Amino acid sequence: QNLGLKMTGIPAINWVYANGLGERDPASITDHDVLTAIEFDKTGEFLSVGDKGGRVIVFKRIRSKKKSRVDDFEYFTEFQSHEPGFDYLKSAEIEEKINSIEWINNKSSSLQLLSANDKTIKLWKLFYNKKKKYQSC
């Protein structure tokens, strides 16, 4: 759709949609890299992403020193949550794909989240030490 704009002399922009993480060639993204679940924790400090390969990747917010409406997130950790399996009762393959991620509120020093595929729900504890800032008196 042109919307009445004359585009002479401007090269066409090729848009490529890539449902995956990281800076890489979209042609190298495999089916296992497709994102299937995303969830912020209640504080908004952590963002977790699940993919078709059964991985969970966690990012931590970077507080911008500039007045900005958008904060950046940096890589925090990742782990293989689910592996492909077989349901012998249903005679069906179980994909490792992450269907759901849910952060759990807790009062301990660890971060806790649930990840689920079609068969199994797993509880994960991520240990995180906040850097404490001390003021001199």
C-alpha atoms as a PDB file:
ATOM      1  CA  GLN A   1       0.000   0.000   0.000  1.00  0.00           C
ATOM      2  CA  ASN A   2       1.472   3.324  -1.083  1.00  0.00           C
ATOM      3  CA  LEU A   3      -0.503   5.698   1.205  1.00  0.00           C
ATOM      4  CA  GLY A   4       0.046   8.541  -1.302  1.00  0.00           C
ATOM      5  CA  LEU A   5       3.828   8.731  -0.722  1.00  0.00           C
ATOM      6  CA  LYS A   6       6.115   9.000  -3.714  1.00  0.00           C
ATOM      7  CA  MET A   7       9.127   6.706  -3.214  1.00  0.00           C
ATOM      8  CA  THR A   8      11.430   7.676  -6.100  1.00  0.00           C
ATOM      9  CA  GLY A   9      15.132   7.087  -5.651  1.00  0.00           C
ATOM     10  CA  ILE A  10      14.718   5.311  -2.309  1.00  0.00           C
ATOM     11  CA  PRO A  11      15.777   1.649  -2.269  1.00  0.00           C
ATOM     12  CA  ALA A  12      13.138  -0.826  -1.145  1.00  0.00           C
ATOM     13  CA  ILE A  13      13.448  -2.149   2.401  1.00  0.00           C
ATOM     14  CA  ASN A  14      13.412  -5.911   2.765  1.00  0.00           C
ATOM     15  CA  TRP A  15      11.796  -6.830   6.087  1.00  0.00           C
ATOM     16  CA  VAL A  16      12.573 -10.249   7.541  1.00  0.00           C
ATOM     17  CA  TYR A  17      10.667 -11.610  10.523  1.00  0.00           C
ATOM     18  CA  ALA A  18      12.795 -13.856  12.740  1.00  0.00           C
ATOM     19  CA  ASN A  19      11.231 -15.474  15.781  1.00  0.00           C
ATOM     20  CA  GLY A  20      14.431 -16.236  17.666  1.00  0.00           C
ATOM     21  CA  LEU A  21      17.002 -14.668  19.971  1.00  0.00           C
ATOM     22  CA  GLY A  22      20.350 -13.119  19.180  1.00  0.00           C
ATOM     23  CA  GLU A  23      21.917 -11.338  16.267  1.00  0.00           C
ATOM     24  CA  ARG A  24      22.347 -13.864  13.484  1.00  0.00           C
ATOM     25  CA  ASP A  25      21.393 -14.612   9.938  1.00  0.00           C
ATOM     26  CA  PRO A  26      17.646 -15.363   9.801  1.00  0.00           C
ATOM     27  CA  ALA A  27      18.421 -18.248   7.433  1.00  0.00           C
ATOM     28  CA  SER A  28      20.346 -20.002  10.244  1.00  0.00           C
ATOM     29  CA  ILE A  29      17.369 -20.026  12.635  1.00  0.00           C
ATOM     30  CA  THR A  30      16.049 -23.563  13.014  1.00  0.00           C
ATOM     31  CA  ASP A  31      12.633 -24.796  14.110  1.00  0.00           C
ATOM     32  CA  HIS A  32      14.039 -25.373  17.630  1.00  0.00           C
ATOM     33  CA  ASP A  33      14.849 -21.640  17.927  1.00  0.00           C
ATOM     34  CA  VAL A  34      11.230 -20.500  17.519  1.00  0.00           C
ATOM     35  CA  LEU A  35       9.981 -18.735  20.660  1.00  0.00           C
ATOM     36  CA  THR A  36       6.935 -20.364  22.251  1.00  0.00           C
ATOM     37  CA  ALA A  37       6.568 -18.720  25.690  1.00  0.00           C
ATOM     38  CA  ILE A  38       7.533 -15.430  27.323  1.00  0.00           C
ATOM     39  CA  GLU A  39       6.939 -14.159  30.865  1.00  0.00           C
ATOM     40  CA  PHE A  40       8.097 -11.290  33.105  1.00  0.00           C
ATOM     41  CA  ASP A  41       8.472 -11.822  36.833  1.00  0.00           C
ATOM     42  CA  LYS A  42       6.188  -9.698  39.046  1.00  0.00           C
ATOM     43  CA  THR A  43       8.863  -7.018  39.559  1.00  0.00           C
ATOM     44  CA  GLY A  44       9.678  -6.676  35.868  1.00  0.00           C
ATOM     45  CA  GLU A  45      13.371  -7.251  36.657  1.00  0.00           C
ATOM     46  CA  PHE A  46      13.559 -10.633  34.931  1.00  0.00           C
ATOM     47  CA  LEU A  47      12.229 -11.844  31.603  1.00  0.00           C
ATOM     48  CA  SER A  48      12.095 -15.537  30.714  1.00  0.00           C
ATOM     49  CA  VAL A  49      11.670 -16.937  27.220  1.00  0.00           C
ATOM     50  CA  GLY A  50      10.998 -20.540  26.195  1.00  0.00           C
ATOM     51  CA  ASP A  51      11.511 -22.077  22.767  1.00  0.00           C
ATOM     52  CA  LYS A  52      10.587 -25.137  20.712  1.00  0.00           C
ATOM     53  CA  GLY A  53      13.935 -26.740  21.590  1.00  0.00           C
ATOM     54  CA  GLY A  54      12.955 -26.952  25.286  1.00  0.00           C
ATOM     55  CA  ARG A  55      15.308 -24.192  26.422  1.00  0.00           C
ATOM     56  CA  VAL A  56      14.510 -21.442  28.903  1.00  0.00           C
ATOM     57  CA  ILE A  57      16.533 -18.237  28.579  1.00  0.00           C
ATOM     58  CA  VAL A  58      16.412 -15.619  31.347  1.00  0.00           C
ATOM     59  CA  PHE A  59      17.273 -11.941  30.936  1.00  0.00           C
ATOM     60  CA  LYS A  60      17.810  -9.302  33.651  1.00  0.00           C
ATOM     61  CA  ARG A  61      16.797  -5.666  33.312  1.00  0.00           C
ATOM     62  CA  ILE A  62      19.541  -3.076  32.997  1.00  0.00           C
ATOM     63  CA  ARG A  63      18.474   0.160  34.620  1.00  0.00           C
ATOM     64  CA  SER A  64      19.161   2.980  32.216  1.00  0.00           C
ATOM     65  CA  LYS A  65      20.853   6.026  33.715  1.00  0.00           C
ATOM     66  CA  LYS A  66      19.187   8.174  31.089  1.00  0.00           C
ATOM     67  CA  LYS A  67      15.539   9.066  31.370  1.00  0.00           C
ATOM     68  CA  SER A  68      14.117   6.503  29.001  1.00  0.00           C
ATOM     69  CA  ARG A  69      10.746   4.819  28.724  1.00  0.00           C
ATOM     70  CA  VAL A  70      12.398   1.564  27.673  1.00  0.00           C
ATOM     71  CA  ASP A  71      15.001  -0.389  29.657  1.00  0.00           C
ATOM     72  CA  ASP A  72      17.372  -2.896  28.098  1.00  0.00           C
ATOM     73  CA  PHE A  73      17.744  -6.496  29.187  1.00  0.00           C
ATOM     74  CA  GLU A  74      20.978  -8.482  29.343  1.00  0.00           C
ATOM     75  CA  TYR A  75      21.518 -12.225  29.230  1.00  0.00           C
ATOM     76  CA  PHE A  76      21.311 -13.747  32.729  1.00  0.00           C
ATOM     77  CA  THR A  77      21.236 -17.546  32.246  1.00  0.00           C
ATOM     78  CA  GLU A  78      19.754 -20.337  30.188  1.00  0.00           C
ATOM     79  CA  PHE A  79      19.084 -24.023  30.711  1.00  0.00           C
ATOM     80  CA  GLN A  80      17.624 -27.031  28.939  1.00  0.00           C
ATOM     81  CA  SER A  81      14.269 -27.463  30.631  1.00  0.00           C
ATOM     82  CA  HIS A  82      12.684 -30.285  28.642  1.00  0.00           C
ATOM     83  CA  GLU A  83      13.868 -33.073  26.334  1.00  0.00           C
ATOM     84  CA  PRO A  84      11.766 -34.923  23.759  1.00  0.00           C
ATOM     85  CA  GLY A  85      10.017 -37.968  25.178  1.00  0.00           C
ATOM     86  CA  PHE A  86       7.472 -40.645  24.470  1.00  0.00           C
ATOM     87  CA  ASP A  87       4.097 -41.231  26.145  1.00  0.00           C
ATOM     88  CA  TYR A  88       3.720 -45.017  26.210  1.00  0.00           C
ATOM     89  CA  LEU A  89       0.056 -44.904  27.278  1.00  0.00           C
ATOM     90  CA  LYS A  90      -0.950 -42.722  24.321  1.00  0.00           C
ATOM     91  CA  SER A  91       1.777 -44.030  21.972  1.00  0.00           C
ATOM     92  CA  ALA A  92       2.669 -40.433  21.140  1.00  0.00           C
ATOM     93  CA  GLU A  93       5.847 -38.391  20.880  1.00  0.00           C
ATOM     94  CA  ILE A  94       6.152 -35.594  23.453  1.00  0.00           C
ATOM     95  CA  GLU A  95       7.817 -32.459  22.113  1.00  0.00           C
ATOM     96  CA  GLU A  96      10.340 -30.609  24.232  1.00  0.00           C
ATOM     97  CA  LYS A  97       8.620 -27.307  23.293  1.00  0.00           C
ATOM     98  CA  ILE A  98       8.024 -24.949  26.230  1.00  0.00           C
ATOM     99  CA  ASN A  99       4.285 -24.208  26.370  1.00  0.00           C
ATOM    100  CA  SER A 100       4.233 -22.069  29.490  1.00  0.00           C
ATOM    101  CA  ILE A 101       6.519 -20.252  31.924  1.00  0.00           C
ATOM    102  CA  GLU A 102       5.343 -18.861  35.249  1.00  0.00           C
ATOM    103  CA  TRP A 103       7.390 -17.002  37.860  1.00  0.00           C
ATOM    104  CA  ILE A 104       6.665 -17.885  41.491  1.00  0.00           C
ATOM    105  CA  ASN A 105       6.589 -15.287  44.254  1.00  0.00           C
ATOM    106  CA  ASN A 106       8.917 -16.271  47.043  1.00  0.00           C
ATOM    107  CA  LYS A 107      10.712 -14.711  49.972  1.00  0.00           C
ATOM    108  CA  SER A 108      13.973 -16.663  49.599  1.00  0.00           C
ATOM    109  CA  SER A 109      17.208 -15.577  47.946  1.00  0.00           C
ATOM    110  CA  SER A 110      16.513 -17.717  44.885  1.00  0.00           C
ATOM    111  CA  LEU A 111      14.341 -16.959  41.879  1.00  0.00           C
ATOM    112  CA  GLN A 112      11.790 -19.666  41.138  1.00  0.00           C
ATOM    113  CA  LEU A 113       9.906 -20.410  37.954  1.00  0.00           C
ATOM    114  CA  LEU A 114       7.800 -23.167  36.472  1.00  0.00           C
ATOM    115  CA  SER A 115       8.211 -24.389  32.903  1.00  0.00           C
ATOM    116  CA  ALA A 116       5.860 -26.815  31.185  1.00  0.00           C
ATOM    117  CA  ASN A 117       5.642 -28.841  28.007  1.00  0.00           C
ATOM    118  CA  ASP A 118       2.723 -31.088  26.965  1.00  0.00           C
ATOM    119  CA  LYS A 119       3.453 -33.641  29.699  1.00  0.00           C
ATOM    120  CA  THR A 120       5.619 -32.284  32.501  1.00  0.00           C
ATOM    121  CA  ILE A 121       5.735 -29.208  34.743  1.00  0.00           C
ATOM    122  CA  LYS A 122       9.157 -28.466  36.244  1.00  0.00           C
ATOM    123  CA  LEU A 123      10.138 -26.179  39.122  1.00  0.00           C
ATOM    124  CA  TRP A 124      13.438 -24.352  38.730  1.00  0.00           C
ATOM    125  CA  LYS A 125      15.413 -22.413  41.353  1.00  0.00           C
ATOM    126  CA  LEU A 126      17.837 -19.800  40.094  1.00  0.00           C
ATOM    127  CA  PHE A 127      20.222 -18.427  42.684  1.00  0.00           C
ATOM    128  CA  TYR A 128      20.986 -14.757  42.384  1.00  0.00           C
ATOM    129  CA  ASN A 129      23.094 -12.574  44.656  1.00  0.00           C
ATOM    130  CA  LYS A 130      22.216  -8.917  44.470  1.00  0.00           C
ATOM    131  CA  LYS A 131      25.164  -6.591  44.847  1.00  0.00           C
ATOM    132  CA  LYS A 132      24.679  -4.748  48.094  1.00  0.00           C
ATOM    133  CA  LYS A 133      25.558  -1.080  48.247  1.00  0.00           C
ATOM    134  CA  TYR A 134      26.812   0.247  51.551  1.00  0.00           C
ATOM    135  CA  GLN A 135      26.972   3.858  52.640  1.00  0.00           C
ATOM    136  CA  SER A 136      29.586   5.140  55.026  1.00  0.00           C
ATOM    137  CA  CYS A 137      28.351   6.941  58.125  1.00  0.00           C
END
